[in-house]
Amino acid sequence: MTRRATDNTKALDAFIVAKTEIDAMLERLAALSADHFETHPDEINWGHVGTLNHYRAKLREITDMAFSEGEHAE
């Protein structure tokens, strides 16, 4: 019995599209972080802290999933 090779071309294409989008988002976030999230030390208030903590929580969720850490630990 011969086995048909699986054609994963479409899956690979979709993977590359998703990865490219993630890379672009990470690049933009890194640039924004390097610019201190477009804030000046004299302008920082608790609203900025809350926003940054929200970003951090979302990124933590992603990194926990990606690296099997936190609630995603095995």
Protein backbone atom coordinates (compact mmCIF):
# COMPACT_ATOMS: atom_id res chain seq x y z
CA MET A 1 0.00 0.00 0.00
CA THR A 2 1.39 3.38 -0.94
CA ARG A 3 0.96 6.40 1.24
CA ARG A 4 0.12 9.78 -0.20
CA ALA A 5 2.46 12.56 0.86
CA THR A 6 0.72 15.25 2.86
CA ASP A 7 0.70 18.62 1.14
CA ASN A 8 1.12 21.19 3.87
CA THR A 9 1.81 24.10 1.53
CA LYS A 10 -1.27 26.04 2.61
CA ALA A 11 -0.54 25.49 6.29
CA LEU A 12 3.07 26.57 5.79
CA ASP A 13 1.94 29.70 3.93
CA ALA A 14 -0.52 30.59 6.72
CA PHE A 15 2.19 29.97 9.34
CA ILE A 16 4.60 32.32 7.56
CA VAL A 17 1.90 35.01 7.30
CA ALA A 18 1.14 34.74 11.04
CA LYS A 19 4.84 34.74 11.96
CA THR A 20 5.49 37.79 9.79
CA GLU A 21 2.64 39.65 11.51
CA ILE A 22 3.97 38.67 14.95
CA ASP A 23 7.49 39.80 14.00
CA ALA A 24 6.12 43.18 12.87
CA MET A 25 4.13 43.61 16.11
CA LEU A 26 7.17 42.72 18.22
CA GLU A 27 9.32 45.17 16.28
CA ARG A 28 6.77 47.96 16.84
CA LEU A 29 6.50 47.13 20.56
CA ALA A 30 10.28 47.10 20.94
CA ALA A 31 10.52 50.53 19.29
CA LEU A 32 7.72 51.89 21.49
CA SER A 33 9.43 50.51 24.59
CA ALA A 34 12.76 52.02 23.54
CA ASP A 35 10.93 55.36 23.39
CA HIS A 36 9.57 54.75 26.93
CA PHE A 37 6.10 54.26 25.48
CA GLU A 38 6.13 57.86 24.25
CA THR A 39 6.26 59.31 27.76
CA HIS A 40 8.58 61.69 29.54
CA PRO A 41 9.58 61.05 33.16
CA ASP A 42 7.96 64.31 34.26
CA GLU A 43 4.65 63.27 32.67
CA ILE A 44 4.30 59.78 34.20
CA ASN A 45 1.11 59.26 36.18
CA TRP A 46 -0.82 56.28 37.53
CA GLY A 47 -2.73 56.02 34.25
CA HIS A 48 0.55 55.27 32.49
CA VAL A 49 1.35 52.64 35.12
CA GLY A 50 -2.05 51.01 34.65
CA THR A 51 -1.67 50.94 30.89
CA LEU A 52 1.80 49.43 31.12
CA ASN A 53 0.61 46.82 33.62
CA HIS A 54 -2.19 45.90 31.22
CA TYR A 55 0.31 45.45 28.39
CA ARG A 56 2.55 43.41 30.70
CA ALA A 57 -0.32 41.10 31.73
CA LYS A 58 -1.22 40.42 28.10
CA LEU A 59 2.40 39.73 27.19
CA ARG A 60 2.80 37.50 30.25
CA GLU A 61 -0.18 35.44 29.09
CA ILE A 62 1.44 35.01 25.69
CA THR A 63 4.91 34.15 27.04
CA ASP A 64 3.43 31.73 29.59
CA MET A 65 1.68 29.89 26.75
CA ALA A 66 4.73 29.99 24.48
CA PHE A 67 7.14 28.73 27.15
CA SER A 68 4.75 26.50 29.17
CA GLU A 69 5.10 28.67 32.25
CA GLY A 70 2.68 30.06 34.82
CA GLU A 71 -0.78 28.51 34.52
CA HIS A 72 0.40 26.78 31.35
CA ALA A 73 3.24 24.95 33.10
CA GLU A 74 3.12 21.21 32.78
